[in-house]
Amino acid sequence: VIDSAGRSFPVKVTYRPRRSDTAVSLAVADAVRAVLTETDGDVLAFLPGLREIRQTADELESFARERDLEVLPLHGDLPPEQQDRALQRLDRRK
């Protein structure tokens, strides 16, 4: 049993269907770019595996650099410090 005392944060769920002829990483990167231009908060995208996480992060690299955004992968194989960083409040959007 895990008990975690913490705060709740408002979450808006956005679903964008993917065309079957588009790679997951490209579709997610396009959706993340769109959501970032439409909202003010951080974005958390769920992907099916580590390869897709890395490919999507690569796809977002130049966009993030141009807009001073932080792209932080989050998965169970990361060291705890990197997992914590993905969940911490930062001075810039992520």
C-alpha atoms as a PDB file:
ATOM      1  CA  VAL A   1       0.000   0.000   0.000  1.00  0.00           C
ATOM      2  CA  ILE A   2       1.336   3.406  -0.953  1.00  0.00           C
ATOM      3  CA  ASP A   3       0.028   6.456   0.825  1.00  0.00           C
ATOM      4  CA  SER A   4       0.992   9.819  -0.594  1.00  0.00           C
ATOM      5  CA  ALA A   5      -0.032  13.054   1.037  1.00  0.00           C
ATOM      6  CA  GLY A   6       0.031  15.730  -1.606  1.00  0.00           C
ATOM      7  CA  ARG A   7      -1.868  18.435  -3.332  1.00  0.00           C
ATOM      8  CA  SER A   8      -4.233  18.125  -6.252  1.00  0.00           C
ATOM      9  CA  PHE A   9      -3.729  20.197  -9.347  1.00  0.00           C
ATOM     10  CA  PRO A  10      -6.289  20.987 -12.024  1.00  0.00           C
ATOM     11  CA  VAL A  11      -5.822  18.823 -15.097  1.00  0.00           C
ATOM     12  CA  LYS A  12      -7.299  19.294 -18.542  1.00  0.00           C
ATOM     13  CA  VAL A  13      -7.337  16.151 -20.674  1.00  0.00           C
ATOM     14  CA  THR A  14      -7.006  16.675 -24.421  1.00  0.00           C
ATOM     15  CA  TYR A  15      -7.313  13.843 -26.898  1.00  0.00           C
ATOM     16  CA  ARG A  16      -6.115  14.180 -30.465  1.00  0.00           C
ATOM     17  CA  PRO A  17      -6.647  11.142 -32.670  1.00  0.00           C
ATOM     18  CA  ARG A  18      -3.686   9.963 -34.740  1.00  0.00           C
ATOM     19  CA  ARG A  19      -3.852   9.190 -38.430  1.00  0.00           C
ATOM     20  CA  SER A  20      -2.836   5.596 -39.025  1.00  0.00           C
ATOM     21  CA  ASP A  21      -0.129   6.643 -41.509  1.00  0.00           C
ATOM     22  CA  THR A  22       1.641   8.894 -38.967  1.00  0.00           C
ATOM     23  CA  ALA A  23       4.300   7.650 -36.553  1.00  0.00           C
ATOM     24  CA  VAL A  24       3.321   7.911 -32.890  1.00  0.00           C
ATOM     25  CA  SER A  25       6.281  10.181 -32.085  1.00  0.00           C
ATOM     26  CA  LEU A  26       5.385  12.630 -34.879  1.00  0.00           C
ATOM     27  CA  ALA A  27       1.704  12.675 -33.947  1.00  0.00           C
ATOM     28  CA  VAL A  28       2.433  13.253 -30.262  1.00  0.00           C
ATOM     29  CA  ALA A  29       5.000  15.968 -31.010  1.00  0.00           C
ATOM     30  CA  ASP A  30       2.454  17.750 -33.233  1.00  0.00           C
ATOM     31  CA  ALA A  31      -0.200  17.462 -30.526  1.00  0.00           C
ATOM     32  CA  VAL A  32       2.182  18.748 -27.830  1.00  0.00           C
ATOM     33  CA  ARG A  33       3.158  21.745 -29.989  1.00  0.00           C
ATOM     34  CA  ALA A  34      -0.522  22.545 -30.567  1.00  0.00           C
ATOM     35  CA  VAL A  35      -1.476  22.221 -26.896  1.00  0.00           C
ATOM     36  CA  LEU A  36       1.481  24.379 -25.836  1.00  0.00           C
ATOM     37  CA  THR A  37       0.295  27.181 -28.123  1.00  0.00           C
ATOM     38  CA  GLU A  38      -3.294  26.865 -26.845  1.00  0.00           C
ATOM     39  CA  THR A  39      -2.634  26.706 -23.097  1.00  0.00           C
ATOM     40  CA  ASP A  40      -0.479  28.255 -20.379  1.00  0.00           C
ATOM     41  CA  GLY A  41       0.445  25.252 -18.236  1.00  0.00           C
ATOM     42  CA  ASP A  42       2.792  22.320 -18.502  1.00  0.00           C
ATOM     43  CA  VAL A  43       2.031  19.357 -20.771  1.00  0.00           C
ATOM     44  CA  LEU A  44       2.263  15.670 -19.889  1.00  0.00           C
ATOM     45  CA  ALA A  45       1.981  13.266 -22.825  1.00  0.00           C
ATOM     46  CA  PHE A  46       1.582   9.529 -22.347  1.00  0.00           C
ATOM     47  CA  LEU A  47       3.387   7.259 -24.793  1.00  0.00           C
ATOM     48  CA  PRO A  48       3.452   3.483 -25.155  1.00  0.00           C
ATOM     49  CA  GLY A  49       7.175   2.889 -24.657  1.00  0.00           C
ATOM     50  CA  LEU A  50      10.686   4.165 -24.118  1.00  0.00           C
ATOM     51  CA  ARG A  51      11.482   4.333 -27.833  1.00  0.00           C
ATOM     52  CA  GLU A  52       8.461   6.557 -28.488  1.00  0.00           C
ATOM     53  CA  ILE A  53       9.375   8.755 -25.508  1.00  0.00           C
ATOM     54  CA  ARG A  54      12.885   9.305 -26.872  1.00  0.00           C
ATOM     55  CA  GLN A  55      11.707   9.874 -30.444  1.00  0.00           C
ATOM     56  CA  THR A  56       9.075  12.373 -29.344  1.00  0.00           C
ATOM     57  CA  ALA A  57      11.598  14.243 -27.177  1.00  0.00           C
ATOM     58  CA  ASP A  58      13.901  14.428 -30.209  1.00  0.00           C
ATOM     59  CA  GLU A  59      11.040  15.736 -32.358  1.00  0.00           C
ATOM     60  CA  LEU A  60      10.311  18.482 -29.808  1.00  0.00           C
ATOM     61  CA  GLU A  61      13.934  19.535 -29.245  1.00  0.00           C
ATOM     62  CA  SER A  62      14.114  22.510 -31.645  1.00  0.00           C
ATOM     63  CA  PHE A  63      10.590  23.704 -30.776  1.00  0.00           C
ATOM     64  CA  ALA A  64      11.458  23.620 -27.081  1.00  0.00           C
ATOM     65  CA  ARG A  65      14.742  25.430 -27.607  1.00  0.00           C
ATOM     66  CA  GLU A  66      13.036  28.205 -29.646  1.00  0.00           C
ATOM     67  CA  ARG A  67      10.425  28.761 -26.922  1.00  0.00           C
ATOM     68  CA  ASP A  68      12.584  28.173 -23.842  1.00  0.00           C
ATOM     69  CA  LEU A  69      10.678  25.027 -22.862  1.00  0.00           C
ATOM     70  CA  GLU A  70      12.006  22.030 -20.965  1.00  0.00           C
ATOM     71  CA  VAL A  71      11.404  18.551 -22.418  1.00  0.00           C
ATOM     72  CA  LEU A  72      11.730  16.025 -19.615  1.00  0.00           C
ATOM     73  CA  PRO A  73      11.229  12.330 -20.307  1.00  0.00           C
ATOM     74  CA  LEU A  74       9.577  10.406 -17.510  1.00  0.00           C
ATOM     75  CA  HIS A  75       9.719   6.622 -17.200  1.00  0.00           C
ATOM     76  CA  GLY A  76      10.603   4.024 -14.613  1.00  0.00           C
ATOM     77  CA  ASP A  77      14.149   3.356 -15.866  1.00  0.00           C
ATOM     78  CA  LEU A  78      15.302   6.914 -15.127  1.00  0.00           C
ATOM     79  CA  PRO A  79      17.290   7.644 -11.974  1.00  0.00           C
ATOM     80  CA  PRO A  80      15.080   8.999  -9.174  1.00  0.00           C
ATOM     81  CA  GLU A  81      16.586  12.505  -9.493  1.00  0.00           C
ATOM     82  CA  GLN A  82      15.520  12.740 -13.146  1.00  0.00           C
ATOM     83  CA  GLN A  83      12.059  11.412 -12.333  1.00  0.00           C
ATOM     84  CA  ASP A  84      11.736  13.992  -9.560  1.00  0.00           C
ATOM     85  CA  ARG A  85      12.847  16.799 -11.899  1.00  0.00           C
ATOM     86  CA  ALA A  86      10.059  15.941 -14.324  1.00  0.00           C
ATOM     87  CA  LEU A  87       7.537  16.418 -11.508  1.00  0.00           C
ATOM     88  CA  GLN A  88       9.030  19.518  -9.880  1.00  0.00           C
ATOM     89  CA  ARG A  89       7.844  23.036 -10.515  1.00  0.00           C
ATOM     90  CA  LEU A  90      10.327  24.832 -12.762  1.00  0.00           C
ATOM     91  CA  ASP A  91      10.865  28.447 -13.775  1.00  0.00           C
ATOM     92  CA  ARG A  92       9.876  27.594 -17.329  1.00  0.00           C
ATOM     93  CA  ARG A  93       7.215  25.466 -18.988  1.00  0.00           C
ATOM     94  CA  LYS A  94       7.796  21.796 -19.502  1.00  0.00           C
END
